[in-house]
Amino acid sequence: MLPSLANFQLAFATPRKLPKPRDLDGRVAVLDIAFVSEAGGQSFDKVTLPFITGLGSRLAAWVDHHDSAHHAQFAEDPRFLLRTKAQHGACPELVTPEVVARAGKVDTIVCHGDFDGLASAAKWMRGGVEPYPGCDADARAID
């Protein structure tokens, strides 16, 4: 049985423009949001890490497929499923029924506002099931 779509709040973000943790309700899943790079005057330590720290135990899952040297520091934290573009060409293929179940109840999904992020959120809302057959392949082709 699929969860009710009304049970989720959505927040759209980019790696450099993350919502304030206090503005997000309940437990949070972050999908297709890369760890900020060191370019453009922003850094992981100034943007991504404060967001992770601000969510604290409310962070249920962070699923992403962008390269980052910072992935290693979260390798032992089961909430993080971090892969590279070479490993996974798009984020939705990482959102599986097992990943959704392992995270448990999620109230808010923070996702990138591109097709890859939206498809990841839709798949999460459907318990890890593609919103339509071939959606994962479309995300790989588009991303």
C-alpha atoms as a PDB file:
ATOM      1  CA  MET A   1       0.000   0.000   0.000  1.00  0.00           C
ATOM      2  CA  LEU A   2       1.324   3.435  -0.947  1.00  0.00           C
ATOM      3  CA  PRO A   3       1.553   6.186   1.671  1.00  0.00           C
ATOM      4  CA  SER A   4      -0.905   9.044   1.343  1.00  0.00           C
ATOM      5  CA  LEU A   5       0.597  11.898  -0.659  1.00  0.00           C
ATOM      6  CA  ALA A   6      -1.063  14.305   1.766  1.00  0.00           C
ATOM      7  CA  ASN A   7       1.281  13.030   4.470  1.00  0.00           C
ATOM      8  CA  PHE A   8       4.311  14.829   3.016  1.00  0.00           C
ATOM      9  CA  GLN A   9       5.421  18.424   2.853  1.00  0.00           C
ATOM     10  CA  LEU A  10       7.801  19.390   0.058  1.00  0.00           C
ATOM     11  CA  ALA A  11      10.593  21.938   0.158  1.00  0.00           C
ATOM     12  CA  PHE A  12      12.563  22.733  -2.976  1.00  0.00           C
ATOM     13  CA  ALA A  13      16.224  23.590  -2.621  1.00  0.00           C
ATOM     14  CA  THR A  14      19.616  23.778  -4.265  1.00  0.00           C
ATOM     15  CA  PRO A  15      22.978  22.907  -2.710  1.00  0.00           C
ATOM     16  CA  ARG A  16      23.711  26.596  -2.091  1.00  0.00           C
ATOM     17  CA  LYS A  17      20.175  27.570  -1.026  1.00  0.00           C
ATOM     18  CA  LEU A  18      18.914  25.219   1.653  1.00  0.00           C
ATOM     19  CA  PRO A  19      15.868  25.910   3.811  1.00  0.00           C
ATOM     20  CA  LYS A  20      16.297  26.718   7.463  1.00  0.00           C
ATOM     21  CA  PRO A  21      15.961  23.510   9.489  1.00  0.00           C
ATOM     22  CA  ARG A  22      13.533  25.236  11.877  1.00  0.00           C
ATOM     23  CA  ASP A  23      11.165  25.820   8.927  1.00  0.00           C
ATOM     24  CA  LEU A  24      10.938  22.095   8.133  1.00  0.00           C
ATOM     25  CA  ASP A  25       8.346  19.983   9.906  1.00  0.00           C
ATOM     26  CA  GLY A  26       9.130  16.670  11.571  1.00  0.00           C
ATOM     27  CA  ARG A  27      11.503  14.107  10.150  1.00  0.00           C
ATOM     28  CA  VAL A  28      13.193  15.088   6.911  1.00  0.00           C
ATOM     29  CA  ALA A  29      14.451  13.234   3.828  1.00  0.00           C
ATOM     30  CA  VAL A  30      16.853  15.145   1.571  1.00  0.00           C
ATOM     31  CA  LEU A  31      16.899  13.978  -2.057  1.00  0.00           C
ATOM     32  CA  ASP A  32      19.173  14.956  -4.944  1.00  0.00           C
ATOM     33  CA  ILE A  33      20.802  17.788  -3.019  1.00  0.00           C
ATOM     34  CA  ALA A  34      24.572  17.732  -3.467  1.00  0.00           C
ATOM     35  CA  PHE A  35      26.927  18.772  -0.731  1.00  0.00           C
ATOM     36  CA  VAL A  36      27.942  22.329  -1.652  1.00  0.00           C
ATOM     37  CA  SER A  37      31.312  22.578  -3.384  1.00  0.00           C
ATOM     38  CA  GLU A  38      33.974  25.041  -2.369  1.00  0.00           C
ATOM     39  CA  ALA A  39      33.304  27.251  -5.406  1.00  0.00           C
ATOM     40  CA  GLY A  40      31.399  30.502  -5.519  1.00  0.00           C
ATOM     41  CA  GLY A  41      32.394  31.783  -2.093  1.00  0.00           C
ATOM     42  CA  GLN A  42      30.392  29.141  -0.245  1.00  0.00           C
ATOM     43  CA  SER A  43      31.626  26.023   1.445  1.00  0.00           C
ATOM     44  CA  PHE A  44      30.460  22.736   2.878  1.00  0.00           C
ATOM     45  CA  ASP A  45      31.311  24.055   6.354  1.00  0.00           C
ATOM     46  CA  LYS A  46      29.177  27.189   5.899  1.00  0.00           C
ATOM     47  CA  VAL A  47      26.160  25.717   4.082  1.00  0.00           C
ATOM     48  CA  THR A  48      25.756  21.934   4.116  1.00  0.00           C
ATOM     49  CA  LEU A  49      27.171  21.064   7.532  1.00  0.00           C
ATOM     50  CA  PRO A  50      25.067  23.644   9.446  1.00  0.00           C
ATOM     51  CA  PHE A  51      21.965  22.291   7.672  1.00  0.00           C
ATOM     52  CA  ILE A  52      22.816  18.710   8.685  1.00  0.00           C
ATOM     53  CA  THR A  53      23.635  19.798  12.230  1.00  0.00           C
ATOM     54  CA  GLY A  54      20.489  21.928  12.439  1.00  0.00           C
ATOM     55  CA  LEU A  55      18.299  18.976  11.496  1.00  0.00           C
ATOM     56  CA  GLY A  56      20.097  16.722  13.960  1.00  0.00           C
ATOM     57  CA  SER A  57      18.130  13.568  14.729  1.00  0.00           C
ATOM     58  CA  ARG A  58      15.236  14.803  12.558  1.00  0.00           C
ATOM     59  CA  LEU A  59      17.302  13.966   9.469  1.00  0.00           C
ATOM     60  CA  ALA A  60      15.830  10.645   8.384  1.00  0.00           C
ATOM     61  CA  ALA A  61      17.716  10.234   5.100  1.00  0.00           C
ATOM     62  CA  TRP A  62      20.014  12.033   2.682  1.00  0.00           C
ATOM     63  CA  VAL A  63      20.112  10.387  -0.740  1.00  0.00           C
ATOM     64  CA  ASP A  64      22.350  11.879  -3.424  1.00  0.00           C
ATOM     65  CA  HIS A  65      24.449  10.975  -6.456  1.00  0.00           C
ATOM     66  CA  HIS A  66      26.841  13.928  -6.820  1.00  0.00           C
ATOM     67  CA  ASP A  67      30.583  13.713  -6.241  1.00  0.00           C
ATOM     68  CA  SER A  68      31.964  15.185  -3.014  1.00  0.00           C
ATOM     69  CA  ALA A  69      35.095  14.723  -0.962  1.00  0.00           C
ATOM     70  CA  HIS A  70      32.865  15.131   2.116  1.00  0.00           C
ATOM     71  CA  HIS A  71      30.968  11.883   1.531  1.00  0.00           C
ATOM     72  CA  ALA A  72      33.595   9.944   3.485  1.00  0.00           C
ATOM     73  CA  GLN A  73      32.756  11.603   6.807  1.00  0.00           C
ATOM     74  CA  PHE A  74      29.192  10.229   6.593  1.00  0.00           C
ATOM     75  CA  ALA A  75      30.048   6.743   5.338  1.00  0.00           C
ATOM     76  CA  GLU A  76      29.220   5.135   8.698  1.00  0.00           C
ATOM     77  CA  ASP A  77      25.939   7.009   9.191  1.00  0.00           C
ATOM     78  CA  PRO A  78      23.111   4.809   7.836  1.00  0.00           C
ATOM     79  CA  ARG A  79      20.933   7.870   7.154  1.00  0.00           C
ATOM     80  CA  PHE A  80      23.230   8.857   4.281  1.00  0.00           C
ATOM     81  CA  LEU A  81      23.158   7.107   0.915  1.00  0.00           C
ATOM     82  CA  LEU A  82      25.798   9.051  -0.998  1.00  0.00           C
ATOM     83  CA  ARG A  83      27.108   7.896  -4.347  1.00  0.00           C
ATOM     84  CA  THR A  84      28.941   9.475  -7.267  1.00  0.00           C
ATOM     85  CA  LYS A  85      27.605  10.297 -10.727  1.00  0.00           C
ATOM     86  CA  ALA A  86      29.790   7.483 -12.084  1.00  0.00           C
ATOM     87  CA  GLN A  87      28.058   5.028  -9.755  1.00  0.00           C
ATOM     88  CA  HIS A  88      24.517   6.342 -10.344  1.00  0.00           C
ATOM     89  CA  GLY A  89      23.632   8.682 -13.176  1.00  0.00           C
ATOM     90  CA  ALA A  90      20.501   9.910 -11.412  1.00  0.00           C
ATOM     91  CA  CYS A  91      19.113  10.035  -7.906  1.00  0.00           C
ATOM     92  CA  PRO A  92      15.743   8.251  -8.330  1.00  0.00           C
ATOM     93  CA  GLU A  93      17.418   4.889  -8.914  1.00  0.00           C
ATOM     94  CA  LEU A  94      18.774   5.158  -5.359  1.00  0.00           C
ATOM     95  CA  VAL A  95      15.285   5.634  -3.888  1.00  0.00           C
ATOM     96  CA  THR A  96      14.204   2.033  -3.359  1.00  0.00           C
ATOM     97  CA  PRO A  97      11.519   0.487  -1.162  1.00  0.00           C
ATOM     98  CA  GLU A  98      14.313  -0.650   1.192  1.00  0.00           C
ATOM     99  CA  VAL A  99      15.773   2.855   1.506  1.00  0.00           C
ATOM    100  CA  VAL A 100      12.353   4.388   2.182  1.00  0.00           C
ATOM    101  CA  ALA A 101      11.503   1.694   4.744  1.00  0.00           C
ATOM    102  CA  ARG A 102      14.863   2.055   6.497  1.00  0.00           C
ATOM    103  CA  ALA A 103      14.260   5.808   6.938  1.00  0.00           C
ATOM    104  CA  GLY A 104      10.911   5.269   8.590  1.00  0.00           C
ATOM    105  CA  LYS A 105       8.255   7.948   8.843  1.00  0.00           C
ATOM    106  CA  VAL A 106       9.161  11.144   6.973  1.00  0.00           C
ATOM    107  CA  ASP A 107       7.147  14.346   7.228  1.00  0.00           C
ATOM    108  CA  THR A 108       9.095  16.639   4.884  1.00  0.00           C
ATOM    109  CA  ILE A 109      10.998  15.952   1.679  1.00  0.00           C
ATOM    110  CA  VAL A 110      13.647  18.456   0.638  1.00  0.00           C
ATOM    111  CA  CYS A 111      14.516  17.959  -3.014  1.00  0.00           C
ATOM    112  CA  HIS A 112      16.212  19.652  -5.917  1.00  0.00           C
ATOM    113  CA  GLY A 113      13.672  21.321  -8.190  1.00  0.00           C
ATOM    114  CA  ASP A 114      14.903  19.665 -11.399  1.00  0.00           C
ATOM    115  CA  PHE A 115      13.440  16.521 -12.981  1.00  0.00           C
ATOM    116  CA  ASP A 116      15.896  14.286 -11.116  1.00  0.00           C
ATOM    117  CA  GLY A 117      14.918  15.767  -7.747  1.00  0.00           C
ATOM    118  CA  LEU A 118      11.198  15.812  -8.468  1.00  0.00           C
ATOM    119  CA  ALA A 119      11.265  12.210  -9.691  1.00  0.00           C
ATOM    120  CA  SER A 120      13.162  11.243  -6.528  1.00  0.00           C
ATOM    121  CA  ALA A 121      10.521  12.918  -4.351  1.00  0.00           C
ATOM    122  CA  ALA A 122       7.664  11.309  -6.288  1.00  0.00           C
ATOM    123  CA  LYS A 123       9.323   7.922  -5.959  1.00  0.00           C
ATOM    124  CA  TRP A 124       9.840   8.443  -2.206  1.00  0.00           C
ATOM    125  CA  MET A 125       6.176   9.397  -1.807  1.00  0.00           C
ATOM    126  CA  ARG A 126       5.261   6.138  -3.551  1.00  0.00           C
ATOM    127  CA  GLY A 127       7.341   4.077  -1.143  1.00  0.00           C
ATOM    128  CA  GLY A 128      10.263   3.625  -3.548  1.00  0.00           C
ATOM    129  CA  VAL A 129       8.147   2.723  -6.588  1.00  0.00           C
ATOM    130  CA  GLU A 130       8.623   4.641  -9.854  1.00  0.00           C
ATOM    131  CA  PRO A 131       5.773   7.088 -10.531  1.00  0.00           C
ATOM    132  CA  TYR A 132       5.618   5.579 -14.033  1.00  0.00           C
ATOM    133  CA  PRO A 133       7.542   2.759 -15.735  1.00  0.00           C
ATOM    134  CA  GLY A 134      10.849   4.104 -17.049  1.00  0.00           C
ATOM    135  CA  CYS A 135      11.019   7.176 -14.796  1.00  0.00           C
ATOM    136  CA  ASP A 136      14.463   6.181 -13.462  1.00  0.00           C
ATOM    137  CA  ALA A 137      15.762   5.833 -17.031  1.00  0.00           C
ATOM    138  CA  ASP A 138      14.280   9.205 -17.964  1.00  0.00           C
ATOM    139  CA  ALA A 139      16.021  10.801 -14.993  1.00  0.00           C
ATOM    140  CA  ARG A 140      19.357   9.303 -16.067  1.00  0.00           C
ATOM    141  CA  ALA A 141      18.869  10.582 -19.619  1.00  0.00           C
ATOM    142  CA  ILE A 142      17.858  14.075 -18.514  1.00  0.00           C
ATOM    143  CA  ASP A 143      20.404  14.536 -15.721  1.00  0.00           C
END
